[in-house]
Protein backbone atom coordinates (compact mmCIF):
# COMPACT_ATOMS: atom_id res chain seq x y z
CA MET A 1 325.18 -92.54 65.23
CA ASN A 2 327.75 -90.48 66.29
CA LYS A 3 329.80 -91.19 63.67
CA ILE A 4 326.73 -89.87 61.45
CA LYS A 5 326.32 -86.72 63.42
CA LYS A 6 330.47 -86.30 63.22
CA LEU A 7 330.10 -86.92 59.50
CA TYR A 8 327.17 -84.20 59.09
CA LYS A 9 328.90 -81.76 61.39
CA ASN A 10 332.64 -82.40 59.02
CA GLU A 11 331.92 -79.48 55.97
CA ASN A 12 334.91 -81.02 54.24
CA ASN A 13 332.93 -84.64 54.71
CA ILE A 14 330.05 -82.97 53.09
CA LEU A 15 331.87 -81.09 50.17
CA LEU A 16 333.81 -84.35 49.35
CA PHE A 17 330.86 -86.22 49.29
CA ILE A 18 329.52 -83.96 46.55
CA PHE A 19 332.65 -83.79 44.41
CA ILE A 20 332.32 -87.67 44.60
CA THR A 21 328.69 -87.51 43.62
CA ILE A 22 329.88 -85.06 40.87
CA PHE A 23 332.26 -87.62 39.48
CA VAL A 24 330.30 -90.40 39.71
CA GLY A 25 327.70 -88.33 37.80
CA VAL A 26 330.65 -87.53 34.87
CA SER A 27 331.79 -91.63 34.80
CA ILE A 28 327.81 -92.40 34.41
CA SER A 29 327.13 -89.86 31.58
CA LEU A 30 330.29 -91.25 29.58
CA LYS A 31 328.63 -94.63 29.80
CA LEU A 32 325.32 -93.63 28.85
CA SER A 33 325.85 -94.64 25.36
CA GLY A 34 327.35 -97.88 26.13
CA MET A 35 330.68 -98.71 26.17
CA SER A 36 333.37 -100.28 23.61
CA GLY A 37 333.35 -103.85 22.00
CA ASN A 38 336.78 -103.78 21.32
CA ASP A 39 338.09 -107.44 21.65
CA PHE A 40 335.12 -108.57 24.26
CA TRP A 41 333.23 -110.69 21.87
CA TRP A 42 336.18 -112.92 21.40
CA HIS A 43 336.84 -113.27 25.01
CA LEU A 44 333.30 -114.01 25.23
CA LYS A 45 333.40 -117.10 23.00
CA SER A 46 336.75 -117.98 24.51
CA GLY A 47 335.22 -118.13 27.93
CA GLU A 48 332.14 -120.00 26.39
CA TRP A 49 334.93 -122.47 24.74
CA ILE A 50 336.62 -123.54 28.24
CA VAL A 51 333.66 -123.30 30.24
CA HIS A 52 331.99 -126.35 27.46
CA ASN A 53 335.30 -127.86 27.12
CA LYS A 54 336.78 -127.76 30.39
CA LYS A 55 340.02 -126.97 29.61
CA ILE A 56 342.30 -124.31 28.85
CA PRO A 57 343.18 -123.90 24.99
CA THR A 58 347.02 -123.96 24.02
CA THR A 59 346.50 -123.65 19.91
CA ALA A 60 345.05 -120.91 18.52
CA LEU A 61 341.10 -121.72 18.12
CA PHE A 62 338.70 -119.56 16.07
CA THR A 63 341.34 -118.88 13.07
CA TRP A 64 341.59 -120.99 9.92
CA TYR A 65 345.08 -120.11 9.57
CA GLY A 66 346.15 -120.59 13.27
CA GLN A 67 344.66 -124.01 13.33
CA GLU A 68 346.24 -124.82 9.66
CA GLN A 69 349.44 -123.94 11.24
CA ASN A 70 349.12 -125.07 15.03
CA LEU A 71 350.03 -121.53 16.08
CA ASN A 72 350.79 -121.13 20.16
CA TRP A 73 347.86 -119.06 21.81
CA PHE A 74 348.98 -118.00 25.49
CA ALA A 75 345.43 -117.97 26.79
CA HIS A 76 346.67 -115.90 29.87
CA GLU A 77 343.47 -114.27 30.74
CA TRP A 78 341.06 -117.35 30.63
CA LEU A 79 339.93 -117.12 34.17
CA THR A 80 338.72 -113.64 33.26
CA GLU A 81 337.05 -115.04 30.08
CA VAL A 82 335.13 -117.43 32.35
CA LEU A 83 334.29 -114.84 34.48
CA PHE A 84 332.75 -112.66 31.40
CA TYR A 85 330.68 -115.54 29.87
CA GLY A 86 329.21 -116.08 33.43
CA ILE A 87 327.96 -112.82 33.75
CA TYR A 88 326.89 -112.22 29.89
CA SER A 89 325.35 -115.92 30.20
CA ALA A 90 323.59 -114.60 33.62
CA PHE A 91 322.69 -111.05 32.77
CA GLY A 92 323.20 -110.54 28.89
CA GLN A 93 324.99 -107.30 27.79
CA ILE A 94 323.37 -105.40 30.46
CA GLY A 95 325.11 -107.36 33.00
CA MET A 96 328.53 -106.62 31.51
CA TYR A 97 327.92 -103.40 31.04
CA GLU A 98 327.07 -102.70 34.70
CA PHE A 99 329.93 -105.01 35.95
CA CYS A 100 332.27 -102.59 34.20
CA LEU A 101 330.03 -99.42 35.21
CA LEU A 102 330.03 -100.13 39.02
CA THR A 103 333.55 -101.17 39.10
CA GLY A 104 334.91 -98.24 37.72
CA ILE A 105 332.38 -96.00 40.11
CA ILE A 106 333.68 -98.12 43.10
CA ILE A 107 337.47 -97.42 41.89
CA ILE A 108 336.62 -93.43 41.61
CA ILE A 109 335.01 -93.42 45.34
CA CYS A 110 337.96 -95.52 46.43
CA VAL A 111 340.26 -92.93 45.00
CA PHE A 112 338.43 -90.35 46.84
CA TYR A 113 339.10 -92.21 49.64
CA ILE A 114 342.14 -92.54 50.25
CA ASN A 115 342.94 -88.93 49.27
CA LYS A 116 340.41 -87.48 51.26
CA GLU A 117 342.97 -85.56 53.25
CA TYR A 118 344.44 -84.00 50.45
CA PHE A 119 341.53 -82.93 48.44
CA PHE A 120 341.48 -79.58 49.67
CA ASN A 121 345.14 -78.78 49.72
CA ASN A 122 344.64 -77.60 46.17
CA THR A 123 340.53 -78.04 45.34
CA PHE A 124 341.20 -76.54 41.81
CA LEU A 125 344.37 -79.20 40.84
CA SER A 126 342.31 -81.88 42.78
CA PHE A 127 339.44 -81.66 40.82
CA ILE A 128 341.23 -81.57 37.54
CA TYR A 129 343.14 -84.60 38.49
CA MET A 130 340.30 -86.13 39.27
CA PHE A 131 338.34 -85.32 35.95
CA TYR A 132 341.22 -86.94 34.29
CA PHE A 133 340.92 -89.97 36.68
CA THR A 134 337.63 -90.53 36.07
CA LEU A 135 337.56 -89.90 32.29
CA VAL A 136 340.65 -92.82 31.89
CA VAL A 137 338.92 -95.26 34.14
CA THR A 138 335.51 -94.89 32.90
CA LEU A 139 336.92 -94.75 29.16
CA PHE A 140 338.86 -98.20 30.05
CA PHE A 141 336.50 -100.07 32.05
CA TYR A 142 334.75 -102.18 29.78
CA GLY A 143 334.57 -105.88 28.59
CA ARG A 144 338.53 -106.67 28.36
CA PRO A 145 340.76 -108.41 30.79
CA HIS A 146 342.57 -105.29 31.47
CA THR A 147 339.82 -104.17 33.49
CA ILE A 148 340.56 -106.85 35.95
CA ASN A 149 344.12 -105.84 35.76
CA MET A 150 343.39 -102.17 36.59
CA ILE A 151 341.42 -103.27 39.82
CA PHE A 152 344.12 -105.77 40.86
CA LEU A 153 346.92 -102.99 40.61
CA PHE A 154 344.83 -100.63 42.59
CA ILE A 155 344.50 -103.23 45.41
CA LEU A 156 348.15 -104.47 45.09
CA LEU A 157 348.99 -101.10 45.74
CA ALA A 158 346.55 -100.16 48.52
CA MET A 159 348.00 -103.24 50.24
CA LEU A 160 351.68 -102.20 49.90
CA TYR A 161 351.20 -98.55 50.95
CA GLN A 162 349.53 -99.92 54.13
CA TYR A 163 352.34 -102.21 55.05
CA LYS A 164 354.58 -99.25 54.45
CA LYS A 165 352.56 -97.34 56.67
CA LYS A 166 351.89 -100.04 59.39
CA SER A 167 352.81 -103.48 59.40
CA SER A 168 349.46 -104.64 58.14
CA LYS A 169 349.22 -108.44 58.04
CA ILE A 170 347.11 -108.40 54.64
CA ILE A 171 350.67 -108.91 53.50
CA TYR A 172 350.42 -112.06 53.69
CA ALA A 173 347.87 -112.74 51.10
CA LEU A 174 350.26 -111.82 48.44
CA PRO A 175 351.09 -114.86 47.08
CA VAL A 176 347.36 -116.35 46.92
CA PHE A 177 346.45 -112.98 45.09
CA SER A 178 349.63 -113.63 43.07
CA VAL A 179 347.89 -116.69 41.69
CA ILE A 180 344.68 -115.22 41.35
CA TRP A 181 346.43 -112.26 39.07
CA VAL A 182 347.96 -114.74 37.17
CA ASN A 183 345.43 -116.61 35.99
CA PHE A 184 342.96 -113.70 35.42
CA HIS A 185 345.46 -111.94 33.74
CA GLY A 186 348.82 -113.03 33.27
CA GLY A 187 349.99 -110.75 30.73
CA SER A 188 350.68 -108.09 33.65
CA SER A 189 351.19 -110.28 36.61
CA ASN A 190 354.64 -109.59 36.65
CA LEU A 191 353.72 -106.39 38.30
CA ILE A 192 352.93 -108.71 41.60
CA TYR A 193 356.75 -108.52 42.25
CA ILE A 194 358.01 -105.41 40.28
CA MET A 195 355.81 -102.94 42.75
CA PRO A 196 357.04 -104.75 45.98
CA ILE A 197 360.72 -104.37 44.49
CA LEU A 198 360.02 -100.62 44.02
CA PHE A 199 358.99 -100.35 47.83
CA ILE A 200 361.95 -101.94 48.50
CA ILE A 201 364.49 -99.66 46.84
CA GLY A 202 362.59 -96.98 48.01
CA SER A 203 362.28 -98.04 51.62
CA ILE A 204 365.99 -99.29 51.99
CA LYS A 205 368.03 -96.65 53.51
CA ASN A 206 367.25 -93.31 55.12
CA ILE A 207 368.69 -90.90 52.51
CA ASN A 208 367.40 -87.37 51.32
CA TYR A 209 368.84 -86.27 47.73
CA GLY A 210 366.95 -82.95 47.08
CA LYS A 211 363.84 -83.08 47.55
CA LEU A 212 363.94 -86.69 47.38
CA ASN A 213 363.23 -88.93 50.17
CA PHE A 214 364.31 -92.69 51.12
CA THR A 215 362.60 -93.45 54.19
CA TYR A 216 364.20 -96.79 55.90
CA MET A 217 361.12 -98.94 56.50
CA GLY A 218 363.41 -101.33 58.80
CA SER A 219 365.28 -104.34 58.28
CA LYS A 220 362.39 -106.70 59.53
CA LYS A 221 359.69 -105.40 57.35
CA ILE A 222 362.09 -105.42 54.29
CA ILE A 223 363.23 -109.01 55.14
CA GLN A 224 359.40 -109.81 55.56
CA LEU A 225 358.36 -108.39 51.98
CA SER A 226 361.39 -109.80 50.27
CA LEU A 227 360.86 -113.15 50.84
CA ILE A 228 356.83 -112.76 50.47
CA THR A 229 357.66 -111.16 47.27
CA LEU A 230 359.95 -114.06 46.46
CA ILE A 231 356.94 -116.60 47.20
CA SER A 232 354.78 -114.62 45.20
CA THR A 233 356.64 -114.98 42.06
CA LEU A 234 356.82 -118.69 42.62
CA SER A 235 353.36 -118.68 43.09
CA LEU A 236 352.85 -117.34 39.10
CA CYS A 237 353.87 -120.91 38.22
CA ILE A 238 350.60 -121.96 39.36
CA ASN A 239 348.49 -121.41 35.92
CA PRO A 240 348.10 -123.75 33.14
CA ARG A 241 351.43 -122.74 31.38
CA GLY A 242 353.43 -123.10 34.86
CA PHE A 243 357.06 -121.19 34.29
CA GLU A 244 356.24 -119.90 30.74
CA MET A 245 353.78 -117.41 31.84
CA ILE A 246 356.98 -115.57 34.06
CA LYS A 247 358.60 -115.11 30.71
CA TYR A 248 355.57 -114.11 28.68
CA PRO A 249 355.01 -110.46 30.03
CA PHE A 250 358.34 -109.58 29.02
CA THR A 251 358.30 -111.38 25.41
CA ASN A 252 355.42 -109.55 24.47
CA MET A 253 356.47 -106.38 25.19
CA ALA A 254 359.70 -106.99 23.29
CA ASP A 255 357.63 -107.47 20.19
CA SER A 256 358.64 -104.77 18.01
CA THR A 257 356.08 -105.91 15.10
CA MET A 258 352.81 -106.13 17.83
CA LEU A 259 354.32 -102.54 19.07
CA ASN A 260 354.84 -100.91 15.65
CA SER A 261 351.68 -102.50 13.93
CA LEU A 262 348.76 -102.23 16.53
CA SER A 263 347.44 -98.47 17.88
CA GLU A 264 346.77 -99.56 21.20
CA TRP A 265 350.44 -100.87 21.20
CA MET A 266 352.03 -97.84 19.58
CA THR A 267 354.26 -95.32 21.29
CA PRO A 268 351.83 -92.42 22.18
CA ASP A 269 351.61 -89.70 19.09
CA ILE A 270 351.63 -86.24 21.10
CA LYS A 271 350.76 -84.91 18.00
CA ASP A 272 347.41 -86.56 17.89
CA LEU A 273 344.98 -84.39 19.73
CA GLY A 274 342.83 -87.02 21.29
CA ILE A 275 345.63 -88.85 22.86
CA LEU A 276 347.33 -85.41 24.01
CA PHE A 277 344.11 -84.60 25.91
CA LEU A 278 343.19 -88.19 26.98
CA CYS A 279 346.71 -89.18 27.24
CA PHE A 280 349.61 -86.67 27.65
CA ILE A 281 347.73 -84.20 29.81
CA PRO A 282 347.07 -86.55 32.91
CA VAL A 283 351.09 -87.43 32.43
CA ILE A 284 352.03 -83.78 32.86
CA LEU A 285 349.52 -82.42 35.23
CA VAL A 286 351.03 -85.31 37.66
CA ALA A 287 354.64 -84.07 36.81
CA VAL A 288 353.94 -80.70 37.30
CA ILE A 289 352.43 -81.27 40.80
CA ILE A 290 355.61 -83.40 41.90
CA THR A 291 358.18 -81.04 40.82
CA THR A 292 356.41 -78.06 41.82
CA THR A 293 355.75 -79.13 45.14
CA SER A 294 357.35 -77.83 48.44
CA LYS A 295 357.25 -81.27 50.31
CA LYS A 296 359.60 -84.03 50.68
CA ILE A 297 359.01 -86.47 47.69
CA ASP A 298 358.77 -90.17 48.90
CA ALA A 299 361.02 -92.10 46.55
CA VAL A 300 358.78 -94.86 46.43
CA ASP A 301 356.36 -92.28 45.10
CA PHE A 302 359.06 -91.19 42.96
CA LEU A 303 359.88 -94.73 41.20
CA ILE A 304 356.10 -95.56 40.71
CA PHE A 305 355.69 -92.28 38.52
CA GLY A 306 358.91 -93.09 36.68
CA PHE A 307 358.10 -96.33 36.12
CA TYR A 308 354.28 -95.93 34.78
CA THR A 309 355.27 -93.05 32.74
CA TYR A 310 358.11 -94.94 30.93
CA MET A 311 355.60 -97.96 30.25
CA PHE A 312 353.23 -94.89 28.68
CA LEU A 313 355.80 -93.42 26.92
CA ARG A 314 356.51 -96.87 25.38
CA SER A 315 352.82 -98.13 24.79
CA GLN A 316 350.08 -95.49 25.06
CA ARG A 317 347.90 -98.54 26.52
CA PHE A 318 349.43 -98.18 29.88
CA ILE A 319 347.69 -94.72 30.55
CA SER A 320 345.04 -96.57 32.57
CA LEU A 321 347.91 -98.15 35.24
CA PHE A 322 349.52 -95.15 35.00
CA VAL A 323 346.49 -93.20 36.56
CA ILE A 324 345.56 -95.94 38.80
CA ALA A 325 349.18 -95.83 40.21
CA THR A 326 349.60 -92.03 40.93
CA SER A 327 346.24 -91.56 42.48
CA PHE A 328 347.69 -93.00 45.60
CA PHE A 329 350.33 -90.24 45.68
CA THR A 330 349.53 -87.34 43.33
CA LEU A 331 346.99 -85.45 45.40
CA LYS A 332 349.49 -85.38 48.39
CA TYR A 333 351.98 -83.08 46.49
CA ALA A 334 349.42 -80.51 45.44
CA MET A 335 350.06 -77.37 47.29
CA PRO A 336 347.93 -74.43 47.68
CA PHE A 337 348.74 -71.62 44.79
CA ASN A 338 348.93 -69.29 47.91
CA GLU A 339 350.18 -71.02 51.02
CA ASN A 340 349.84 -67.98 53.21
CA LYS A 341 346.58 -67.71 52.51
CA LYS A 342 344.23 -68.61 55.45
CA LYS A 343 341.34 -70.75 54.62
CA LYS A 344 338.37 -69.19 55.28
CA LYS A 345 335.89 -70.84 58.08
CA ILE A 346 332.89 -72.44 56.64
CA THR A 347 329.85 -72.03 58.94
CA SER A 348 326.89 -73.58 58.59
CA SER A 349 324.36 -75.38 61.10
CA PRO A 350 324.24 -78.96 61.25
CA GLN A 351 320.42 -78.54 59.44
CA GLN A 352 322.11 -76.81 56.62
CA ASN A 353 324.78 -80.02 56.73
CA ILE A 354 322.15 -82.73 56.83
CA LEU A 355 320.48 -80.78 53.93
CA ILE A 356 323.31 -80.57 51.25
CA PHE A 357 324.28 -83.91 52.15
CA THR A 358 320.71 -85.81 52.08
CA THR A 359 320.18 -83.83 48.87
CA THR A 360 323.57 -84.91 47.22
CA PHE A 361 322.81 -88.27 48.52
CA ILE A 362 319.50 -88.59 46.47
CA PHE A 363 320.81 -87.04 43.52
CA PHE A 364 323.47 -89.75 43.47
CA ILE A 365 320.98 -92.40 43.76
CA SER A 366 318.83 -91.17 41.28
CA LEU A 367 321.64 -90.99 38.60
CA LEU A 368 322.14 -94.83 39.41
CA ILE A 369 318.73 -95.38 38.60
CA GLY A 370 318.42 -93.31 35.95
CA GLN A 371 321.36 -95.00 34.25
CA PHE A 372 319.92 -98.54 35.07
CA ILE A 373 316.75 -97.68 33.11
CA ASN A 374 318.85 -96.51 30.28
CA ALA A 375 320.54 -99.47 30.29
CA VAL A 376 317.94 -101.86 30.61
CA SER A 377 315.89 -99.92 27.38
CA HIS A 378 319.16 -100.25 25.39
CA SER A 379 320.15 -103.40 26.47
CA ASP A 380 320.66 -104.71 22.80
CA THR A 381 323.24 -102.09 21.99
CA LEU A 382 324.98 -101.87 25.11
CA ILE A 383 328.08 -103.36 23.90
CA PRO A 384 328.46 -102.50 19.96
CA ALA A 385 330.23 -105.14 17.42
CA ILE A 386 332.32 -103.37 14.65
CA LEU A 387 330.83 -106.12 12.32
CA PRO A 388 327.16 -105.18 11.06
CA LYS A 389 324.53 -108.30 11.73
CA GLU A 390 323.71 -108.71 8.32
CA TYR A 391 327.13 -109.21 7.13
CA ALA A 392 327.77 -111.74 9.98
CA GLU A 393 324.88 -113.89 8.80
CA PHE A 394 325.48 -113.17 5.00
CA ILE A 395 329.49 -114.72 5.84
CA LYS A 396 328.40 -117.34 7.87
CA GLU A 397 326.18 -118.72 5.16
CA ASP A 398 328.21 -118.13 2.48
CA ASN A 399 330.58 -120.27 4.61
CA PRO A 400 334.10 -119.36 3.24
CA GLN A 401 337.00 -121.66 4.21
CA ARG A 402 339.81 -119.47 3.91
CA LEU A 403 338.76 -115.71 4.74
CA TYR A 404 340.47 -112.58 4.58
CA ASN A 405 339.16 -110.31 7.44
CA ASP A 406 340.13 -107.02 8.70
CA TYR A 407 341.59 -107.22 12.49
CA ASP A 408 339.11 -105.34 14.05
CA CYS A 409 336.09 -107.38 12.85
CA GLY A 410 338.10 -110.84 14.09
CA GLY A 411 336.43 -110.84 17.21
CA PRO A 412 332.91 -110.35 16.25
CA LEU A 413 333.44 -112.52 13.36
CA ILE A 414 334.78 -115.56 15.86
CA TYR A 415 331.61 -114.77 18.23
CA HIS A 416 329.14 -115.59 15.42
CA GLU A 417 331.32 -118.65 14.54
CA ILE A 418 333.02 -117.76 11.39
CA PRO A 419 336.60 -119.05 10.94
CA VAL A 420 338.95 -115.99 10.74
CA PHE A 421 342.68 -114.77 9.14
CA VAL A 422 343.36 -112.86 12.39
CA ASP A 423 341.74 -111.00 15.37
CA GLY A 424 342.63 -109.11 18.33
CA ARG A 425 344.67 -111.92 19.88
CA ALA A 426 347.63 -110.57 18.51
CA ASP A 427 350.32 -112.40 20.18
CA ILE A 428 349.24 -115.15 18.09
CA TYR A 429 350.44 -113.79 14.92
CA THR A 430 353.28 -112.53 15.69
CA GLY A 431 356.08 -112.30 13.28
CA ASP A 432 355.65 -112.73 9.34
CA THR A 433 351.77 -113.45 10.11
CA LEU A 434 351.12 -110.03 11.41
CA LYS A 435 353.66 -107.91 9.26
CA ASN A 436 351.68 -109.91 6.28
CA TYR A 437 348.62 -108.90 7.46
CA GLN A 438 349.50 -105.27 7.49
CA THR A 439 351.28 -105.75 3.76
CA LEU A 440 347.69 -106.75 2.43
CA LYS A 441 345.50 -104.34 4.57
CA HIS A 442 347.93 -101.53 3.01
CA CYS A 443 348.96 -102.50 -0.07
CA ARG A 444 352.63 -101.80 1.40
CA ASN A 445 355.43 -103.93 2.06
CA TYR A 446 355.95 -104.49 5.94
CA ASN A 447 357.78 -107.60 5.49
CA ASP A 448 360.76 -106.57 2.87
CA LYS A 449 363.11 -108.91 4.15
CA LYS A 450 361.08 -111.88 2.86
CA LEU A 451 358.75 -110.35 0.28
CA SER A 452 359.82 -108.99 -3.01
CA ASN A 453 359.09 -105.12 -3.48
CA ASP A 454 357.81 -105.76 -6.84
CA SER A 455 355.26 -108.79 -6.31
CA TYR A 456 354.58 -108.87 -2.58
CA MET A 457 351.06 -108.67 -3.08
CA GLU A 458 350.45 -111.09 -5.78
CA ASP A 459 352.99 -113.50 -3.72
CA LEU A 460 351.12 -113.51 -0.34
CA LEU A 461 347.55 -114.22 -2.10
CA LYS A 462 348.97 -116.89 -3.79
CA GLU A 463 350.62 -117.97 -0.50
CA TYR A 464 347.24 -117.96 1.89
CA LYS A 465 344.95 -118.93 -0.91
CA PHE A 466 341.89 -116.75 0.01
CA ASP A 467 338.58 -117.78 -0.99
CA ALA A 468 336.74 -114.70 0.34
CA PHE A 469 337.79 -111.15 1.54
CA PHE A 470 335.79 -109.06 4.31
CA VAL A 471 337.28 -105.66 4.10
CA GLY A 472 336.74 -102.26 5.20
CA LYS A 473 336.19 -99.77 2.33
CA LYS A 474 338.78 -97.18 3.93
CA TRP A 475 341.51 -99.47 3.36
CA PRO A 476 344.13 -99.93 0.38
CA ILE A 477 343.06 -103.37 -0.40
CA TYR A 478 339.56 -102.69 -1.06
CA ASN A 479 340.83 -100.49 -4.00
CA TYR A 480 343.22 -103.55 -5.15
CA LEU A 481 340.34 -106.38 -4.90
CA ILE A 482 338.38 -103.66 -6.77
CA ASN A 483 340.83 -103.04 -9.29
CA HIS A 484 341.10 -106.61 -10.15
CA PRO A 485 337.76 -107.64 -11.49
CA ASN A 486 339.07 -110.67 -13.04
CA ASN A 487 340.15 -112.21 -9.93
CA TYR A 488 337.96 -111.26 -7.38
CA ASP A 489 334.05 -110.85 -7.39
CA LEU A 490 332.24 -107.86 -5.25
CA VAL A 491 329.13 -109.68 -3.67
CA LYS A 492 327.82 -107.28 -1.00
CA SER A 493 328.82 -103.72 -0.52
CA ASP A 494 327.66 -100.92 1.87
CA LYS A 495 328.95 -97.28 2.98
CA GLU A 496 331.92 -99.39 5.17
CA PHE A 497 332.12 -102.70 4.23
CA ALA A 498 332.48 -104.71 1.22
CA TYR A 499 332.51 -108.84 0.87
CA PHE A 500 334.58 -110.00 -2.33
CA LYS A 501 335.01 -113.71 -3.64
CA THR A 502 337.80 -115.05 -5.22
CA LYS A 503 336.86 -116.43 -8.64
């Protein structure tokens, strides 16, 4: 009761709660129309397969070409897929939707909590930063394993910052956390030792270099963290692929074909207004806050900022991890616009505070209830599939054995148990397969070391022996097929897609 009274009497707590409600409202509003279904459907099918077969796949299921060539599949997200299948089986689309919405909201509230003493140093900059944090987190929290990865990164950094601040025993849980992480999202499990290494480097000695401040953590804590990190790294081998999983994240990021072919893996293009607004502005904002601060910059914070900025500049998909990582320190460095200006005291009675707090709380609960009602009323369309249902039924009935399909439609086709040529599991098709797919899709030679510039289309079509084509009309392959009526028969078409049969 005394804590509640103290809360009501603290104007900053009241204001912070109002800000939390505002940003939770923003998050809910962004999700009103549902969430992205990108890759969700093949993850769901993978989870179903694992549960029913009680084993982890190692070869490329669901793809006729992958099965034919016995292509390797690194199912590094298998436990997340089982989780998604369990949620979906029990609660349907609304269950997955609410899971992603609520976990995103929890992360937003947690970031407010860890920054509660800094938020009002510069309310304007804090508001802008939290707007972008909420925007990125809400948009990236959807039915893909990277949602779990973002949650795990937040937990890891919370453990490390707590350990740096005071010797917290929670650090002993790191090896167990390592085993959990590598099975939920093995592709990013190397963060389990990269992050502690940054903490060790930034705390190994007392050094001041300009505004950069290395603060010695103490030999006992450094040795302890080093040993736990070593054990945690070895613990990453406790997964279906063993030691291979430790190498996997690096081989994945070194794949130039994947990095250059798929939009989410590409280097961010500042000329793209959407990428500029969503990705570059938060990075620039954090950089400006850190470089203009009059405070000493903790070396650990600087190293984390540098690491995730580098990763973002390599691949735009890392913007989500960038905002998660920088949320632990950015507002700490935000300075008032006028440091000498005295803050006006807010004077209000406890009764007024109670009224504001209670009204805001009721508004917050109303938003959640309203969102839940909206989700229930749209329970079958909360996670869209690019593939129209009538096409799925038509293709399944036609039963092609060697279907060419658009990469983005691979997941929904898999969900409808239609064997595909390619799908969102990019690492399966790395190398020539991905290059050849891009060549066919764009009617442009992306594999000129192995294909003739004069006959690459004919050579590839002959090599793969497709008996049907499901293509988006916006891609050049559609025009190629439509202009060869003697070879390909247009069977079904609408404004967006077309389905051809080989004659």
